[in-house]
């Protein structure tokens, strides 16, 4: 998810025509990096606490798949 946010910010920033859009895309990019940092720390905390789910378990739903792919990248 954060990769998509950063990609969108980069695309929008490259095509923007005014400062207001630059602020918006900068906010999106900064938020993505902050989310990625917090998610990575949460993942490490859960792994060290033995609370991280095994990847072999079945998960249903598109959001679950996107979430699991995203946390693998952190």
PDB file of N, CA and C in Angstrom:
ATOM      1  N   UNK A   1       0.815  -1.171   0.000  1.00  0.00           N
ATOM      2  CA  UNK A   1       0.000   0.000   0.000  1.00  0.00           C
ATOM      3  C   UNK A   1       0.872   1.254   0.000  1.00  0.00           C
ATOM      4  N   UNK A   2       1.921   1.256   0.825  1.00  0.00           N
ATOM      5  CA  UNK A   2       2.780   2.437   0.865  1.00  0.00           C
ATOM      6  C   UNK A   2       3.543   2.609  -0.444  1.00  0.00           C
ATOM      7  N   UNK A   3       3.886   1.507  -1.087  1.00  0.00           N
ATOM      8  CA  UNK A   3       4.544   1.608  -2.393  1.00  0.00           C
ATOM      9  C   UNK A   3       3.625   2.306  -3.398  1.00  0.00           C
ATOM     10  N   UNK A   4       2.343   1.969  -3.361  1.00  0.00           N
ATOM     11  CA  UNK A   4       1.386   2.598  -4.265  1.00  0.00           C
ATOM     12  C   UNK A   4       1.222   4.077  -3.929  1.00  0.00           C
ATOM     13  N   UNK A   5       1.225   4.407  -2.642  1.00  0.00           N
ATOM     14  CA  UNK A   5       1.110   5.815  -2.248  1.00  0.00           C
ATOM     15  C   UNK A   5       2.299   6.625  -2.761  1.00  0.00           C
ATOM     16  N   UNK A   6       3.496   6.066  -2.624  1.00  0.00           N
ATOM     17  CA  UNK A   6       4.703   6.752  -3.083  1.00  0.00           C
ATOM     18  C   UNK A   6       4.703   6.878  -4.598  1.00  0.00           C
ATOM     19  N   UNK A   7       4.314   5.817  -5.285  1.00  0.00           N
ATOM     20  CA  UNK A   7       4.259   5.865  -6.741  1.00  0.00           C
ATOM     21  C   UNK A   7       3.260   6.922  -7.219  1.00  0.00           C
ATOM     22  N   UNK A   8       2.097   6.971  -6.591  1.00  0.00           N
ATOM     23  CA  UNK A   8       1.095   7.963  -6.946  1.00  0.00           C
ATOM     24  C   UNK A   8       1.612   9.381  -6.689  1.00  0.00           C
ATOM     25  N   UNK A   9       2.279   9.574  -5.569  1.00  0.00           N
ATOM     26  CA  UNK A   9       2.841  10.886  -5.256  1.00  0.00           C
ATOM     27  C   UNK A   9       3.890  11.288  -6.286  1.00  0.00           C
ATOM     28  N   UNK A  10       4.733  10.356  -6.681  1.00  0.00           N
ATOM     29  CA  UNK A  10       5.757  10.647  -7.684  1.00  0.00           C
ATOM     30  C   UNK A  10       5.137  11.001  -9.035  1.00  0.00           C
ATOM     31  N   UNK A  11       4.139  10.224  -9.441  1.00  0.00           N
ATOM     32  CA  UNK A  11       3.470  10.491 -10.720  1.00  0.00           C
ATOM     33  C   UNK A  11       2.760  11.843 -10.698  1.00  0.00           C
ATOM     34  N   UNK A  12       2.040  12.093  -9.632  1.00  0.00           N
ATOM     35  CA  UNK A  12       1.311  13.348  -9.518  1.00  0.00           C
ATOM     36  C   UNK A  12       2.236  14.544  -9.408  1.00  0.00           C
ATOM     37  N   UNK A  13       3.321  14.385  -8.671  1.00  0.00           N
ATOM     38  CA  UNK A  13       4.261  15.475  -8.493  1.00  0.00           C
ATOM     39  C   UNK A  13       4.921  15.840  -9.824  1.00  0.00           C
ATOM     40  N   UNK A  14       5.173  14.832 -10.640  1.00  0.00           N
ATOM     41  CA  UNK A  14       5.786  15.080 -11.945  1.00  0.00           C
ATOM     42  C   UNK A  14       4.840  15.761 -12.922  1.00  0.00           C
ATOM     43  N   UNK A  15       3.548  15.641 -12.723  1.00  0.00           N
ATOM     44  CA  UNK A  15       2.563  16.200 -13.653  1.00  0.00           C
ATOM     45  C   UNK A  15       1.848  17.429 -13.098  1.00  0.00           C
ATOM     46  N   UNK A  16       2.177  17.831 -11.905  1.00  0.00           N
ATOM     47  CA  UNK A  16       1.425  18.928 -11.268  1.00  0.00           C
ATOM     48  C   UNK A  16       1.691  20.258 -11.955  1.00  0.00           C
ATOM     49  N   UNK A  17       0.707  21.143 -11.815  1.00  0.00           N
ATOM     50  CA  UNK A  17       0.802  22.450 -12.456  1.00  0.00           C
ATOM     51  C   UNK A  17       0.787  23.602 -11.453  1.00  0.00           C
ATOM     52  N   UNK A  18       0.636  23.281 -10.166  1.00  0.00           N
ATOM     53  CA  UNK A  18       0.629  24.357  -9.170  1.00  0.00           C
ATOM     54  C   UNK A  18       1.202  23.874  -7.849  1.00  0.00           C
ATOM     55  N   UNK A  19       1.458  24.819  -6.967  1.00  0.00           N
ATOM     56  CA  UNK A  19       2.084  24.531  -5.677  1.00  0.00           C
ATOM     57  C   UNK A  19       1.159  23.722  -4.765  1.00  0.00           C
ATOM     58  N   UNK A  20      -0.137  23.989  -4.826  1.00  0.00           N
ATOM     59  CA  UNK A  20      -1.086  23.279  -3.968  1.00  0.00           C
ATOM     60  C   UNK A  20      -1.036  21.781  -4.173  1.00  0.00           C
ATOM     61  N   UNK A  21      -0.931  21.370  -5.435  1.00  0.00           N
ATOM     62  CA  UNK A  21      -0.830  19.930  -5.711  1.00  0.00           C
ATOM     63  C   UNK A  21       0.494  19.368  -5.189  1.00  0.00           C
ATOM     64  N   UNK A  22       1.546  20.177  -5.257  1.00  0.00           N
ATOM     65  CA  UNK A  22       2.835  19.743  -4.719  1.00  0.00           C
ATOM     66  C   UNK A  22       2.755  19.474  -3.234  1.00  0.00           C
ATOM     67  N   UNK A  23       2.025  20.315  -2.533  1.00  0.00           N
ATOM     68  CA  UNK A  23       1.823  20.122  -1.092  1.00  0.00           C
ATOM     69  C   UNK A  23       1.057  18.827  -0.851  1.00  0.00           C
ATOM     70  N   UNK A  24       0.014  18.615  -1.631  1.00  0.00           N
ATOM     71  CA  UNK A  24      -0.794  17.398  -1.486  1.00  0.00           C
ATOM     72  C   UNK A  24       0.036  16.143  -1.741  1.00  0.00           C
ATOM     73  N   UNK A  25       0.809  16.134  -2.830  1.00  0.00           N
ATOM     74  CA  UNK A  25       1.613  14.952  -3.140  1.00  0.00           C
ATOM     75  C   UNK A  25       2.744  14.759  -2.139  1.00  0.00           C
ATOM     76  N   UNK A  26       3.285  15.848  -1.623  1.00  0.00           N
ATOM     77  CA  UNK A  26       4.298  15.739  -0.574  1.00  0.00           C
ATOM     78  C   UNK A  26       3.727  15.139   0.699  1.00  0.00           C
ATOM     79  N   UNK A  27       2.510  15.542   1.032  1.00  0.00           N
ATOM     80  CA  UNK A  27       1.827  14.989   2.197  1.00  0.00           C
ATOM     81  C   UNK A  27       1.571  13.496   2.020  1.00  0.00           C
ATOM     82  N   UNK A  28       1.152  13.109   0.825  1.00  0.00           N
ATOM     83  CA  UNK A  28       0.912  11.694   0.544  1.00  0.00           C
ATOM     84  C   UNK A  28       2.207  10.891   0.677  1.00  0.00           C
ATOM     85  N   UNK A  29       3.300  11.422   0.124  1.00  0.00           N
ATOM     86  CA  UNK A  29       4.596  10.731   0.178  1.00  0.00           C
ATOM     87  C   UNK A  29       5.086  10.617   1.621  1.00  0.00           C
ATOM     88  N   UNK A  30       5.031  11.724   2.358  1.00  0.00           N
ATOM     89  CA  UNK A  30       5.476  11.703   3.757  1.00  0.00           C
ATOM     90  C   UNK A  30       4.651  10.720   4.588  1.00  0.00           C
ATOM     91  N   UNK A  31       3.352  10.710   4.359  1.00  0.00           N
ATOM     92  CA  UNK A  31       2.478   9.789   5.090  1.00  0.00           C
ATOM     93  C   UNK A  31       2.832   8.341   4.789  1.00  0.00           C
ATOM     94  N   UNK A  32       3.144   8.056   3.546  1.00  0.00           N
ATOM     95  CA  UNK A  32       3.517   6.691   3.170  1.00  0.00           C
ATOM     96  C   UNK A  32       4.763   6.237   3.918  1.00  0.00           C
ATOM     97  N   UNK A  33       5.764   7.104   3.984  1.00  0.00           N
ATOM     98  CA  UNK A  33       6.994   6.735   4.691  1.00  0.00           C
ATOM     99  C   UNK A  33       6.756   6.580   6.195  1.00  0.00           C
ATOM    100  N   UNK A  34       5.906   7.419   6.765  1.00  0.00           N
ATOM    101  CA  UNK A  34       5.589   7.293   8.195  1.00  0.00           C
ATOM    102  C   UNK A  34       4.831   5.992   8.480  1.00  0.00           C
ATOM    103  N   UNK A  35       3.870   5.682   7.623  1.00  0.00           N
ATOM    104  CA  UNK A  35       3.107   4.432   7.783  1.00  0.00           C
ATOM    105  C   UNK A  35       4.038   3.234   7.663  1.00  0.00           C
ATOM    106  N   UNK A  36       4.931   3.267   6.686  1.00  0.00           N
ATOM    107  CA  UNK A  36       5.873   2.166   6.485  1.00  0.00           C
ATOM    108  C   UNK A  36       6.763   1.968   7.711  1.00  0.00           C
ATOM    109  N   UNK A  37       7.215   3.069   8.287  1.00  0.00           N
ATOM    110  CA  UNK A  37       8.076   2.975   9.471  1.00  0.00           C
ATOM    111  C   UNK A  37       7.328   2.369  10.658  1.00  0.00           C
ATOM    112  N   UNK A  38       6.126   2.866  10.918  1.00  0.00           N
ATOM    113  CA  UNK A  38       5.336   2.355  12.049  1.00  0.00           C
ATOM    114  C   UNK A  38       4.955   0.890  11.823  1.00  0.00           C
ATOM    115  N   UNK A  39       4.573   0.542  10.593  1.00  0.00           N
ATOM    116  CA  UNK A  39       4.209  -0.847  10.292  1.00  0.00           C
ATOM    117  C   UNK A  39       5.400  -1.779  10.474  1.00  0.00           C
ATOM    118  N   UNK A  40       6.568  -1.336  10.061  1.00  0.00           N
ATOM    119  CA  UNK A  40       7.766  -2.153  10.237  1.00  0.00           C
ATOM    120  C   UNK A  40       8.086  -2.389  11.700  1.00  0.00           C
ATOM    121  N   UNK A  41       7.938  -1.346  12.509  1.00  0.00           N
ATOM    122  CA  UNK A  41       8.192  -1.491  13.938  1.00  0.00           C
ATOM    123  C   UNK A  41       7.171  -2.421  14.590  1.00  0.00           C
ATOM    124  N   UNK A  42       5.909  -2.287  14.194  1.00  0.00           N
ATOM    125  CA  UNK A  42       4.869  -3.169  14.727  1.00  0.00           C
ATOM    126  C   UNK A  42       5.152  -4.623  14.355  1.00  0.00           C
ATOM    127  N   UNK A  43       5.583  -4.832  13.121  1.00  0.00           N
ATOM    128  CA  UNK A  43       5.902  -6.190  12.680  1.00  0.00           C
ATOM    129  C   UNK A  43       7.027  -6.771  13.535  1.00  0.00           C
ATOM    130  N   UNK A  44       8.083  -5.992  13.746  1.00  0.00           N
ATOM    131  CA  UNK A  44       9.198  -6.470  14.567  1.00  0.00           C
ATOM    132  C   UNK A  44       8.752  -6.759  15.996  1.00  0.00           C
ATOM    133  N   UNK A  45       7.921  -5.886  16.540  1.00  0.00           N
ATOM    134  CA  UNK A  45       7.408  -6.110  17.895  1.00  0.00           C
ATOM    135  C   UNK A  45       6.591  -7.396  17.976  1.00  0.00           C
ATOM    136  N   UNK A  46       5.778  -7.644  16.979  1.00  0.00           N
ATOM    137  CA  UNK A  46       4.939  -8.851  16.971  1.00  0.00           C
ATOM    138  C   UNK A  46       5.780 -10.108  16.759  1.00  0.00           C
ATOM    139  N   UNK A  47       6.780 -10.024  15.893  1.00  0.00           N
ATOM    140  CA  UNK A  47       7.658 -11.178  15.684  1.00  0.00           C
ATOM    141  C   UNK A  47       8.391 -11.520  16.976  1.00  0.00           C
ATOM    142  N   UNK A  48       8.958 -10.501  17.612  1.00  0.00           N
ATOM    143  CA  UNK A  48       9.713 -10.757  18.846  1.00  0.00           C
ATOM    144  C   UNK A  48       8.815 -11.236  19.983  1.00  0.00           C
ATOM    145  N   UNK A  49       7.536 -10.882  19.936  1.00  0.00           N
ATOM    146  CA  UNK A  49       6.597 -11.328  20.962  1.00  0.00           C
ATOM    147  C   UNK A  49       5.906 -12.637  20.623  1.00  0.00           C
ATOM    148  N   UNK A  50       6.270 -13.224  19.479  1.00  0.00           N
ATOM    149  CA  UNK A  50       5.669 -14.496  19.076  1.00  0.00           C
ATOM    150  C   UNK A  50       4.241 -14.357  18.586  1.00  0.00           C
ATOM    151  N   UNK A  51       3.862 -13.159  18.170  1.00  0.00           N
ATOM    152  CA  UNK A  51       2.478 -12.918  17.766  1.00  0.00           C
ATOM    153  C   UNK A  51       2.297 -12.832  16.249  1.00  0.00           C
ATOM    154  N   UNK A  52       3.361 -13.024  15.487  1.00  0.00           N
ATOM    155  CA  UNK A  52       3.265 -12.896  14.028  1.00  0.00           C
ATOM    156  C   UNK A  52       2.684 -14.182  13.440  1.00  0.00           C
ATOM    157  N   UNK A  53       1.630 -14.061  12.606  1.00  0.00           N
ATOM    158  CA  UNK A  53       0.995 -15.265  12.054  1.00  0.00           C
ATOM    159  C   UNK A  53       1.901 -15.969  11.050  1.00  0.00           C
ATOM    160  N   UNK A  54       1.739 -17.263  10.981  1.00  0.00           N
ATOM    161  CA  UNK A  54       2.480 -18.043   9.999  1.00  0.00           C
ATOM    162  C   UNK A  54       1.933 -17.742   8.613  1.00  0.00           C
ATOM    163  N   UNK A  55       2.812 -17.666   7.625  1.00  0.00           N
ATOM    164  CA  UNK A  55       2.380 -17.339   6.275  1.00  0.00           C
ATOM    165  C   UNK A  55       1.664 -18.497   5.594  1.00  0.00           C
ATOM    166  N   UNK A  56       1.766 -19.695   6.139  1.00  0.00           N
ATOM    167  CA  UNK A  56       1.144 -20.862   5.520  1.00  0.00           C
ATOM    168  C   UNK A  56      -0.360 -20.930   5.771  1.00  0.00           C
ATOM    169  N   UNK A  57      -0.847 -20.189   6.760  1.00  0.00           N
ATOM    170  CA  UNK A  57      -2.273 -20.213   7.059  1.00  0.00           C
ATOM    171  C   UNK A  57      -3.062 -19.590   5.916  1.00  0.00           C
ATOM    172  N   UNK A  58      -4.244 -20.112   5.678  1.00  0.00           N
ATOM    173  CA  UNK A  58      -5.106 -19.582   4.619  1.00  0.00           C
ATOM    174  C   UNK A  58      -5.711 -18.259   5.054  1.00  0.00           C
ATOM    175  N   UNK A  59      -5.675 -17.310   4.145  1.00  0.00           N
ATOM    176  CA  UNK A  59      -6.283 -16.006   4.388  1.00  0.00           C
ATOM    177  C   UNK A  59      -7.222 -15.717   3.235  1.00  0.00           C
ATOM    178  N   UNK A  60      -8.377 -15.207   3.550  1.00  0.00           N
ATOM    179  CA  UNK A  60      -9.371 -14.895   2.535  1.00  0.00           C
ATOM    180  C   UNK A  60      -9.502 -13.398   2.379  1.00  0.00           C
ATOM    181  N   UNK A  61      -9.859 -12.960   1.193  1.00  0.00           N
ATOM    182  CA  UNK A  61     -10.133 -11.557   0.948  1.00  0.00           C
ATOM    183  C   UNK A  61      -8.977 -10.833   0.300  1.00  0.00           C
ATOM    184  N   UNK A  62      -9.325  -9.893  -0.547  1.00  0.00           N
ATOM    185  CA  UNK A  62      -8.324  -9.116  -1.273  1.00  0.00           C
ATOM    186  C   UNK A  62      -7.492  -8.251  -0.340  1.00  0.00           C
ATOM    187  N   UNK A  63      -8.127  -7.611   0.628  1.00  0.00           N
ATOM    188  CA  UNK A  63      -7.402  -6.731   1.551  1.00  0.00           C
ATOM    189  C   UNK A  63      -6.349  -7.509   2.336  1.00  0.00           C
ATOM    190  N   UNK A  64      -6.662  -8.721   2.722  1.00  0.00           N
ATOM    191  CA  UNK A  64      -5.702  -9.544   3.456  1.00  0.00           C
ATOM    192  C   UNK A  64      -4.483  -9.835   2.596  1.00  0.00           C
ATOM    193  N   UNK A  65      -4.708 -10.168   1.320  1.00  0.00           N
ATOM    194  CA  UNK A  65      -3.600 -10.441   0.410  1.00  0.00           C
ATOM    195  C   UNK A  65      -2.717  -9.224   0.208  1.00  0.00           C
ATOM    196  N   UNK A  66      -3.327  -8.069   0.028  1.00  0.00           N
ATOM    197  CA  UNK A  66      -2.569  -6.830  -0.146  1.00  0.00           C
ATOM    198  C   UNK A  66      -1.792  -6.518   1.132  1.00  0.00           C
ATOM    199  N   UNK A  67      -2.427  -6.704   2.277  1.00  0.00           N
ATOM    200  CA  UNK A  67      -1.761  -6.441   3.550  1.00  0.00           C
ATOM    201  C   UNK A  67      -0.553  -7.345   3.732  1.00  0.00           C
ATOM    202  N   UNK A  68      -0.721  -8.629   3.484  1.00  0.00           N
ATOM    203  CA  UNK A  68       0.383  -9.569   3.682  1.00  0.00           C
ATOM    204  C   UNK A  68       1.534  -9.294   2.723  1.00  0.00           C
ATOM    205  N   UNK A  69       1.218  -8.903   1.496  1.00  0.00           N
ATOM    206  CA  UNK A  69       2.287  -8.554   0.546  1.00  0.00           C
ATOM    207  C   UNK A  69       3.013  -7.305   1.007  1.00  0.00           C
ATOM    208  N   UNK A  70       2.291  -6.348   1.539  1.00  0.00           N
ATOM    209  CA  UNK A  70       2.899  -5.091   1.985  1.00  0.00           C
ATOM    210  C   UNK A  70       3.834  -5.315   3.174  1.00  0.00           C
ATOM    211  N   UNK A  71       3.424  -6.107   4.136  1.00  0.00           N
ATOM    212  CA  UNK A  71       4.254  -6.305   5.315  1.00  0.00           C
ATOM    213  C   UNK A  71       5.482  -7.153   5.000  1.00  0.00           C
ATOM    214  N   UNK A  72       5.422  -7.955   3.968  1.00  0.00           N
ATOM    215  CA  UNK A  72       6.615  -8.720   3.565  1.00  0.00           C
ATOM    216  C   UNK A  72       7.727  -7.775   3.113  1.00  0.00           C
ATOM    217  N   UNK A  73       7.350  -6.616   2.588  1.00  0.00           N
ATOM    218  CA  UNK A  73       8.323  -5.656   2.077  1.00  0.00           C
ATOM    219  C   UNK A  73       8.952  -4.817   3.178  1.00  0.00           C
ATOM    220  N   UNK A  74       8.372  -4.818   4.367  1.00  0.00           N
ATOM    221  CA  UNK A  74       8.915  -3.989   5.442  1.00  0.00           C
ATOM    222  C   UNK A  74      10.068  -4.668   6.135  1.00  0.00           C
TER     223      UNK A  74
END
